[in-house]
Amino acid sequence: MTTVTISDVRLHLGQLLTKLADEEEIVITSHNTPVARLMPLSLSATIATVDRSKFKAKLSAFIARQRAELGKQKLLPGNSVALDRESYPW
C-alpha cells in the first residue's frame, strides 16, 4: 500500500495509475490524515462481493428475528424498525 498526498496525486497521477494496474492500493492524505483510498477494480469488486454477502446474511437474520417476534403480523418497515429499536437497552 502506497500513501501519497493530494499534491503528489496532482503531480504523479500517471505513475499512481501504473501502481493501481499492478494491484497496489493507494491511500491519499491531506495534512497527514487519510481522506481517500484508491484500489484496482479487481480488488474493489472482490470487496463489494464480500460486503454484499455479509449484508444479505445480516438482513436475513433480521427478517427471521422479526418474523419470530411478530408471528403472523404483516411486516411493515416502520413497525419492524420501531420494534427492533425498542429491544435495545438505550
Protein backbone atom coordinates (compact mmCIF):
# COMPACT_ATOMS: atom_id res chain seq x y z
CA MET A 1 0.00 0.00 0.00
CA THR A 2 1.30 3.39 -1.01
CA THR A 3 0.47 6.62 0.83
CA VAL A 4 0.57 9.91 -1.07
CA THR A 5 -0.53 13.49 -0.51
CA ILE A 6 -3.08 15.30 -2.63
CA SER A 7 -0.33 17.34 -4.30
CA ASP A 8 1.53 14.11 -5.16
CA VAL A 9 -1.62 12.84 -6.87
CA ARG A 10 -1.80 16.01 -8.95
CA LEU A 11 1.85 15.76 -9.96
CA HIS A 12 2.21 11.98 -10.46
CA LEU A 13 -1.19 10.65 -11.49
CA GLY A 14 0.26 8.58 -14.34
CA GLN A 15 2.67 6.75 -12.03
CA LEU A 16 -0.09 6.14 -9.50
CA LEU A 17 -2.33 4.65 -12.18
CA THR A 18 0.50 2.27 -13.09
CA LYS A 19 0.68 1.17 -9.45
CA LEU A 20 -3.07 0.59 -9.48
CA ALA A 21 -2.67 -1.55 -12.59
CA ASP A 22 -0.14 -3.62 -10.61
CA GLU A 23 -2.84 -4.39 -8.00
CA GLU A 24 -1.49 -1.93 -5.41
CA GLU A 25 -3.72 0.18 -3.14
CA ILE A 26 -3.08 3.91 -2.74
CA VAL A 27 -4.14 5.99 0.26
CA ILE A 28 -4.43 9.75 -0.30
CA THR A 29 -3.79 12.00 2.68
CA SER A 30 -4.44 15.63 3.47
CA HIS A 31 -2.39 17.08 6.33
CA ASN A 32 -1.34 13.52 7.33
CA THR A 33 -4.99 12.40 7.59
CA PRO A 34 -6.23 9.71 5.19
CA VAL A 35 -9.06 11.09 3.05
CA ALA A 36 -9.40 8.54 0.24
CA ARG A 37 -8.33 5.08 -0.86
CA LEU A 38 -7.78 4.09 -4.48
CA MET A 39 -7.77 0.44 -5.39
CA PRO A 40 -7.76 -1.57 -8.60
CA LEU A 41 -11.17 -2.53 -9.98
CA SER A 42 -10.49 -6.22 -9.43
CA LEU A 43 -9.91 -5.60 -5.71
CA SER A 44 -12.94 -3.34 -5.30
CA ALA A 45 -15.19 -5.92 -6.99
CA THR A 46 -13.98 -8.57 -4.53
CA ILE A 47 -14.62 -6.29 -1.55
CA ALA A 48 -18.07 -5.35 -2.81
CA THR A 49 -18.98 -9.03 -3.19
CA VAL A 50 -17.85 -9.84 0.34
CA ASP A 51 -19.70 -6.86 1.83
CA ARG A 52 -22.86 -7.68 -0.13
CA SER A 53 -22.89 -11.28 1.11
CA LYS A 54 -22.42 -10.13 4.73
CA PHE A 55 -25.27 -7.66 4.29
CA LYS A 56 -27.59 -10.33 2.88
CA ALA A 57 -26.79 -12.65 5.80
CA LYS A 58 -27.48 -9.91 8.36
CA LEU A 59 -30.69 -8.89 6.59
CA SER A 60 -31.93 -12.49 6.52
CA ALA A 61 -31.21 -12.86 10.25
CA PHE A 62 -33.03 -9.58 10.97
CA ILE A 63 -36.10 -10.66 9.00
CA ALA A 64 -36.17 -14.07 10.69
CA ARG A 65 -35.92 -12.40 14.12
CA GLN A 66 -38.72 -10.00 13.26
CA ARG A 67 -40.96 -12.81 12.00
CA ALA A 68 -40.35 -14.76 15.19
CA GLU A 69 -41.21 -11.75 17.35
CA LEU A 70 -44.23 -10.62 15.33
CA GLY A 71 -45.70 -14.00 14.49
CA LYS A 72 -48.03 -13.72 11.53
CA GLN A 73 -48.38 -9.95 11.67
CA LYS A 74 -47.63 -8.16 8.45
CA LEU A 75 -44.08 -6.79 8.39
CA LEU A 76 -44.18 -3.09 7.67
CA PRO A 77 -40.91 -1.14 7.52
CA GLY A 78 -41.96 1.29 10.25
CA ASN A 79 -43.23 -1.43 12.57
CA SER A 80 -40.19 -3.68 12.30
CA VAL A 81 -37.74 -0.83 12.79
CA ALA A 82 -39.68 0.57 15.74
CA LEU A 83 -39.90 -2.85 17.40
CA ASP A 84 -36.21 -3.51 16.84
CA ARG A 85 -35.37 -0.07 18.25
CA GLU A 86 -37.41 -0.79 21.39
CA SER A 87 -35.47 -4.00 22.04
CA TYR A 88 -32.17 -2.12 22.50
CA PRO A 89 -31.16 -1.15 26.07
CA TRP A 90 -30.74 2.58 25.47
